[in-house]
Amino acid sequence: MLKFIKQYAEKIEGISVYPILAQFIFITFFILMLIYVFRMKKENLDELKNLPLD
């Protein structure tokens, strides 16, 4: 998928490596956050879920 995005991004004049790097960091951050949430223990999840009501 990154190859697909990079192919179209290279066709835009004046684009540098910074937008591609920013997108890579953005996607990596959210993938890591999803992994963290899915691996979280049930007790911690229940505690965080009830936090606004306490």
C-alpha atoms as a PDB file:
ATOM      1  CA  MET A   1       0.000   0.000   0.000  1.00  0.00           C
ATOM      2  CA  LEU A   2       2.868   2.360   0.784  1.00  0.00           C
ATOM      3  CA  LYS A   3       4.265   1.672  -2.684  1.00  0.00           C
ATOM      4  CA  PHE A   4       0.904   2.695  -4.168  1.00  0.00           C
ATOM      5  CA  ILE A   5       0.848   5.969  -2.210  1.00  0.00           C
ATOM      6  CA  LYS A   6       4.507   6.708  -2.932  1.00  0.00           C
ATOM      7  CA  GLN A   7       3.939   6.190  -6.666  1.00  0.00           C
ATOM      8  CA  TYR A   8       1.248   8.884  -6.774  1.00  0.00           C
ATOM      9  CA  ALA A   9       3.074  11.182  -4.361  1.00  0.00           C
ATOM     10  CA  GLU A  10       6.123  11.249  -6.637  1.00  0.00           C
ATOM     11  CA  LYS A  11       4.008  12.572  -9.516  1.00  0.00           C
ATOM     12  CA  ILE A  12       3.135  15.730  -7.557  1.00  0.00           C
ATOM     13  CA  GLU A  13       5.610  18.508  -8.253  1.00  0.00           C
ATOM     14  CA  GLY A  14       7.445  19.988  -5.314  1.00  0.00           C
ATOM     15  CA  ILE A  15       6.766  17.111  -2.918  1.00  0.00           C
ATOM     16  CA  SER A  16       9.676  16.157  -0.738  1.00  0.00           C
ATOM     17  CA  VAL A  17      10.408  13.347   1.652  1.00  0.00           C
ATOM     18  CA  TYR A  18       8.795  15.136   4.623  1.00  0.00           C
ATOM     19  CA  PRO A  19       5.124  14.442   3.762  1.00  0.00           C
ATOM     20  CA  ILE A  20       5.908  10.787   3.132  1.00  0.00           C
ATOM     21  CA  LEU A  21       7.847  10.580   6.397  1.00  0.00           C
ATOM     22  CA  ALA A  22       5.018  12.289   8.300  1.00  0.00           C
ATOM     23  CA  GLN A  23       2.472   9.861   6.880  1.00  0.00           C
ATOM     24  CA  PHE A  24       4.684   6.912   7.799  1.00  0.00           C
ATOM     25  CA  ILE A  25       5.013   8.167  11.393  1.00  0.00           C
ATOM     26  CA  PHE A  26       1.241   8.781  11.590  1.00  0.00           C
ATOM     27  CA  ILE A  27       0.348   5.286  10.379  1.00  0.00           C
ATOM     28  CA  THR A  28       2.999   3.639  12.573  1.00  0.00           C
ATOM     29  CA  PHE A  29       1.745   5.454  15.681  1.00  0.00           C
ATOM     30  CA  PHE A  30      -1.852   4.311  15.191  1.00  0.00           C
ATOM     31  CA  ILE A  31      -0.867   0.732  14.397  1.00  0.00           C
ATOM     32  CA  LEU A  32       1.196   0.617  17.596  1.00  0.00           C
ATOM     33  CA  MET A  33      -1.698   2.089  19.575  1.00  0.00           C
ATOM     34  CA  LEU A  34      -4.071  -0.552  18.199  1.00  0.00           C
ATOM     35  CA  ILE A  35      -1.652  -3.304  19.178  1.00  0.00           C
ATOM     36  CA  TYR A  36      -1.328  -1.788  22.662  1.00  0.00           C
ATOM     37  CA  VAL A  37      -5.100  -1.607  23.161  1.00  0.00           C
ATOM     38  CA  PHE A  38      -5.766  -5.138  21.934  1.00  0.00           C
ATOM     39  CA  ARG A  39      -3.052  -6.571  24.188  1.00  0.00           C
ATOM     40  CA  MET A  40      -4.259  -4.648  27.250  1.00  0.00           C
ATOM     41  CA  LYS A  41      -5.422  -6.680  30.244  1.00  0.00           C
ATOM     42  CA  LYS A  42      -9.140  -6.838  30.943  1.00  0.00           C
ATOM     43  CA  GLU A  43      -8.752  -5.352  34.443  1.00  0.00           C
ATOM     44  CA  ASN A  44      -6.927  -2.281  33.127  1.00  0.00           C
ATOM     45  CA  LEU A  45      -9.502  -1.819  30.406  1.00  0.00           C
ATOM     46  CA  ASP A  46     -12.381  -1.934  32.909  1.00  0.00           C
ATOM     47  CA  GLU A  47     -10.595   0.600  35.143  1.00  0.00           C
ATOM     48  CA  LEU A  48     -10.096   3.008  32.248  1.00  0.00           C
ATOM     49  CA  LYS A  49     -13.645   2.475  31.036  1.00  0.00           C
ATOM     50  CA  ASN A  50     -15.109   3.500  34.413  1.00  0.00           C
ATOM     51  CA  LEU A  51     -12.731   6.419  34.967  1.00  0.00           C
ATOM     52  CA  PRO A  52     -15.076   9.180  33.649  1.00  0.00           C
ATOM     53  CA  LEU A  53     -17.911   7.972  35.894  1.00  0.00           C
ATOM     54  CA  ASP A  54     -15.858   7.901  39.115  1.00  0.00           C
END
